[in-house]
């Protein structure tokens, strides 16, 4: 049961991340098919894990350019998408960190 919950949580997180980047792409006016984001987002996420920059800055933008150039995305648009993604995920993490630090326990664990 715990494994199923972990898998469901992982898939939900993946789909949520793709959805956020797809919405950011739409907001920036990128004409990229939504299915393209399902391979671009995880590939960029893996690339940002490489220890060649702080927080994956620069790697994320280059990754989006490399993967979305065939869809007609310019370097500037890819940079904007990467910066917007980083900002949104940073804000989400900051809010979650504040909630966690405040000790809000919405899902108490029973022993």
C-alpha atoms as a PDB file:
ATOM      1  CA  UNK A   1       0.000   0.000   0.000  1.00  0.00           C
ATOM      2  CA  UNK A   2       2.847   2.385   0.829  1.00  0.00           C
ATOM      3  CA  UNK A   3       4.499   1.636  -2.524  1.00  0.00           C
ATOM      4  CA  UNK A   4       1.304   2.428  -4.403  1.00  0.00           C
ATOM      5  CA  UNK A   5       1.015   5.711  -2.530  1.00  0.00           C
ATOM      6  CA  UNK A   6       4.617   6.600  -3.343  1.00  0.00           C
ATOM      7  CA  UNK A   7       4.128   5.797  -7.025  1.00  0.00           C
ATOM      8  CA  UNK A   8       0.893   7.793  -7.156  1.00  0.00           C
ATOM      9  CA  UNK A   9       2.582  10.732  -5.452  1.00  0.00           C
ATOM     10  CA  UNK A  10       5.510  10.580  -7.874  1.00  0.00           C
ATOM     11  CA  UNK A  11       3.293  10.458 -10.947  1.00  0.00           C
ATOM     12  CA  UNK A  12       1.164  13.302  -9.589  1.00  0.00           C
ATOM     13  CA  UNK A  13       4.244  15.432  -8.982  1.00  0.00           C
ATOM     14  CA  UNK A  14       5.535  14.719 -12.491  1.00  0.00           C
ATOM     15  CA  UNK A  15       2.234  15.564 -14.169  1.00  0.00           C
ATOM     16  CA  UNK A  16       1.889  18.682 -12.005  1.00  0.00           C
ATOM     17  CA  UNK A  17       5.340  19.910 -13.005  1.00  0.00           C
ATOM     18  CA  UNK A  18       4.608  19.331 -16.677  1.00  0.00           C
ATOM     19  CA  UNK A  19       1.268  21.120 -16.335  1.00  0.00           C
ATOM     20  CA  UNK A  20       2.892  24.160 -14.687  1.00  0.00           C
ATOM     21  CA  UNK A  21       5.530  24.454 -17.437  1.00  0.00           C
ATOM     22  CA  UNK A  22       2.868  23.962 -20.128  1.00  0.00           C
ATOM     23  CA  UNK A  23       0.800  26.770 -18.589  1.00  0.00           C
ATOM     24  CA  UNK A  24       3.878  29.008 -18.408  1.00  0.00           C
ATOM     25  CA  UNK A  25       4.603  28.254 -22.066  1.00  0.00           C
ATOM     26  CA  UNK A  26       1.052  29.201 -22.999  1.00  0.00           C
ATOM     27  CA  UNK A  27       1.303  32.396 -20.951  1.00  0.00           C
ATOM     28  CA  UNK A  28       4.500  33.285 -22.807  1.00  0.00           C
ATOM     29  CA  UNK A  29       2.779  32.674 -26.151  1.00  0.00           C
ATOM     30  CA  UNK A  30       4.778  29.584 -27.115  1.00  0.00           C
ATOM     31  CA  UNK A  31       3.059  27.449 -29.727  1.00  0.00           C
ATOM     32  CA  UNK A  32       4.338  24.120 -28.429  1.00  0.00           C
ATOM     33  CA  UNK A  33       2.136  21.032 -28.298  1.00  0.00           C
ATOM     34  CA  UNK A  34       1.422  19.937 -24.726  1.00  0.00           C
ATOM     35  CA  UNK A  35       2.765  16.442 -25.346  1.00  0.00           C
ATOM     36  CA  UNK A  36       6.231  17.859 -26.068  1.00  0.00           C
ATOM     37  CA  UNK A  37       6.457  19.073 -22.482  1.00  0.00           C
ATOM     38  CA  UNK A  38       6.047  15.485 -21.237  1.00  0.00           C
ATOM     39  CA  UNK A  39       9.544  14.669 -22.459  1.00  0.00           C
ATOM     40  CA  UNK A  40      11.137  18.140 -22.269  1.00  0.00           C
ATOM     41  CA  UNK A  41      10.377  18.869 -18.596  1.00  0.00           C
ATOM     42  CA  UNK A  42      11.874  15.666 -17.121  1.00  0.00           C
ATOM     43  CA  UNK A  43      14.916  15.836 -19.421  1.00  0.00           C
ATOM     44  CA  UNK A  44      15.585  19.417 -18.313  1.00  0.00           C
ATOM     45  CA  UNK A  45      15.024  18.440 -14.674  1.00  0.00           C
ATOM     46  CA  UNK A  46      17.633  15.683 -14.968  1.00  0.00           C
ATOM     47  CA  UNK A  47      20.057  18.069 -16.677  1.00  0.00           C
ATOM     48  CA  UNK A  48      19.714  20.612 -13.869  1.00  0.00           C
ATOM     49  CA  UNK A  49      20.936  17.976 -11.410  1.00  0.00           C
ATOM     50  CA  UNK A  50      24.385  18.048 -12.991  1.00  0.00           C
ATOM     51  CA  UNK A  51      26.821  19.849 -10.676  1.00  0.00           C
ATOM     52  CA  UNK A  52      27.879  22.455 -13.223  1.00  0.00           C
ATOM     53  CA  UNK A  53      25.873  25.467 -12.038  1.00  0.00           C
ATOM     54  CA  UNK A  54      24.135  26.806  -8.955  1.00  0.00           C
ATOM     55  CA  UNK A  55      20.540  25.649  -8.855  1.00  0.00           C
ATOM     56  CA  UNK A  56      20.658  24.569 -12.496  1.00  0.00           C
ATOM     57  CA  UNK A  57      20.541  28.191 -13.633  1.00  0.00           C
ATOM     58  CA  UNK A  58      21.622  28.373 -17.250  1.00  0.00           C
ATOM     59  CA  UNK A  59      21.399  24.612 -17.716  1.00  0.00           C
ATOM     60  CA  UNK A  60      17.592  24.768 -17.530  1.00  0.00           C
ATOM     61  CA  UNK A  61      17.382  27.522 -20.134  1.00  0.00           C
ATOM     62  CA  UNK A  62      19.831  25.816 -22.508  1.00  0.00           C
ATOM     63  CA  UNK A  63      17.968  22.542 -22.062  1.00  0.00           C
ATOM     64  CA  UNK A  64      14.662  24.107 -23.017  1.00  0.00           C
ATOM     65  CA  UNK A  65      16.260  25.767 -26.018  1.00  0.00           C
ATOM     66  CA  UNK A  66      17.866  22.511 -27.163  1.00  0.00           C
ATOM     67  CA  UNK A  67      14.674  20.499 -26.758  1.00  0.00           C
ATOM     68  CA  UNK A  68      12.161  23.077 -27.982  1.00  0.00           C
ATOM     69  CA  UNK A  69      14.090  24.671 -30.848  1.00  0.00           C
ATOM     70  CA  UNK A  70      12.575  22.140 -33.258  1.00  0.00           C
ATOM     71  CA  UNK A  71       9.157  23.444 -32.179  1.00  0.00           C
ATOM     72  CA  UNK A  72      10.108  26.996 -33.183  1.00  0.00           C
ATOM     73  CA  UNK A  73      11.051  28.293 -29.735  1.00  0.00           C
ATOM     74  CA  UNK A  74      13.746  30.966 -29.841  1.00  0.00           C
ATOM     75  CA  UNK A  75      16.626  31.254 -27.378  1.00  0.00           C
ATOM     76  CA  UNK A  76      14.957  34.220 -25.676  1.00  0.00           C
ATOM     77  CA  UNK A  77      11.655  32.376 -25.308  1.00  0.00           C
ATOM     78  CA  UNK A  78      13.420  29.319 -23.884  1.00  0.00           C
ATOM     79  CA  UNK A  79      15.279  31.546 -21.436  1.00  0.00           C
ATOM     80  CA  UNK A  80      12.021  33.194 -20.369  1.00  0.00           C
ATOM     81  CA  UNK A  81      10.390  29.780 -19.890  1.00  0.00           C
ATOM     82  CA  UNK A  82      13.295  28.528 -17.776  1.00  0.00           C
ATOM     83  CA  UNK A  83      13.412  31.655 -15.609  1.00  0.00           C
ATOM     84  CA  UNK A  84       9.634  31.612 -15.114  1.00  0.00           C
ATOM     85  CA  UNK A  85       9.717  27.926 -14.180  1.00  0.00           C
ATOM     86  CA  UNK A  86      12.521  28.509 -11.690  1.00  0.00           C
ATOM     87  CA  UNK A  87      10.668  31.455 -10.153  1.00  0.00           C
ATOM     88  CA  UNK A  88       7.344  29.619  -9.827  1.00  0.00           C
ATOM     89  CA  UNK A  89       8.935  26.499  -8.328  1.00  0.00           C
ATOM     90  CA  UNK A  90      11.005  28.657  -5.967  1.00  0.00           C
ATOM     91  CA  UNK A  91       7.875  30.492  -4.780  1.00  0.00           C
ATOM     92  CA  UNK A  92       5.995  27.222  -4.278  1.00  0.00           C
ATOM     93  CA  UNK A  93       8.915  25.827  -2.283  1.00  0.00           C
ATOM     94  CA  UNK A  94       9.125  28.997  -0.181  1.00  0.00           C
ATOM     95  CA  UNK A  95       5.445  28.820   0.733  1.00  0.00           C
ATOM     96  CA  UNK A  96       5.758  25.112   1.568  1.00  0.00           C
ATOM     97  CA  UNK A  97       8.832  25.856   3.682  1.00  0.00           C
ATOM     98  CA  UNK A  98       6.990  28.552   5.614  1.00  0.00           C
ATOM     99  CA  UNK A  99       4.048  26.225   6.241  1.00  0.00           C
ATOM    100  CA  UNK A 100       6.384  23.434   7.349  1.00  0.00           C
ATOM    101  CA  UNK A 101       8.370  25.768   9.605  1.00  0.00           C
ATOM    102  CA  UNK A 102       5.193  27.101  11.175  1.00  0.00           C
ATOM    103  CA  UNK A 103       4.367  23.554  12.207  1.00  0.00           C
ATOM    104  CA  UNK A 104       1.108  23.213  10.370  1.00  0.00           C
ATOM    105  CA  UNK A 105       0.382  19.506  10.404  1.00  0.00           C
ATOM    106  CA  UNK A 106      -2.429  18.891   7.971  1.00  0.00           C
ATOM    107  CA  UNK A 107      -1.744  15.161   7.698  1.00  0.00           C
ATOM    108  CA  UNK A 108      -0.920  13.819  11.145  1.00  0.00           C
ATOM    109  CA  UNK A 109       0.912  10.517  11.194  1.00  0.00           C
ATOM    110  CA  UNK A 110      -0.576   7.896  13.442  1.00  0.00           C
ATOM    111  CA  UNK A 111       1.843   5.557  15.168  1.00  0.00           C
END
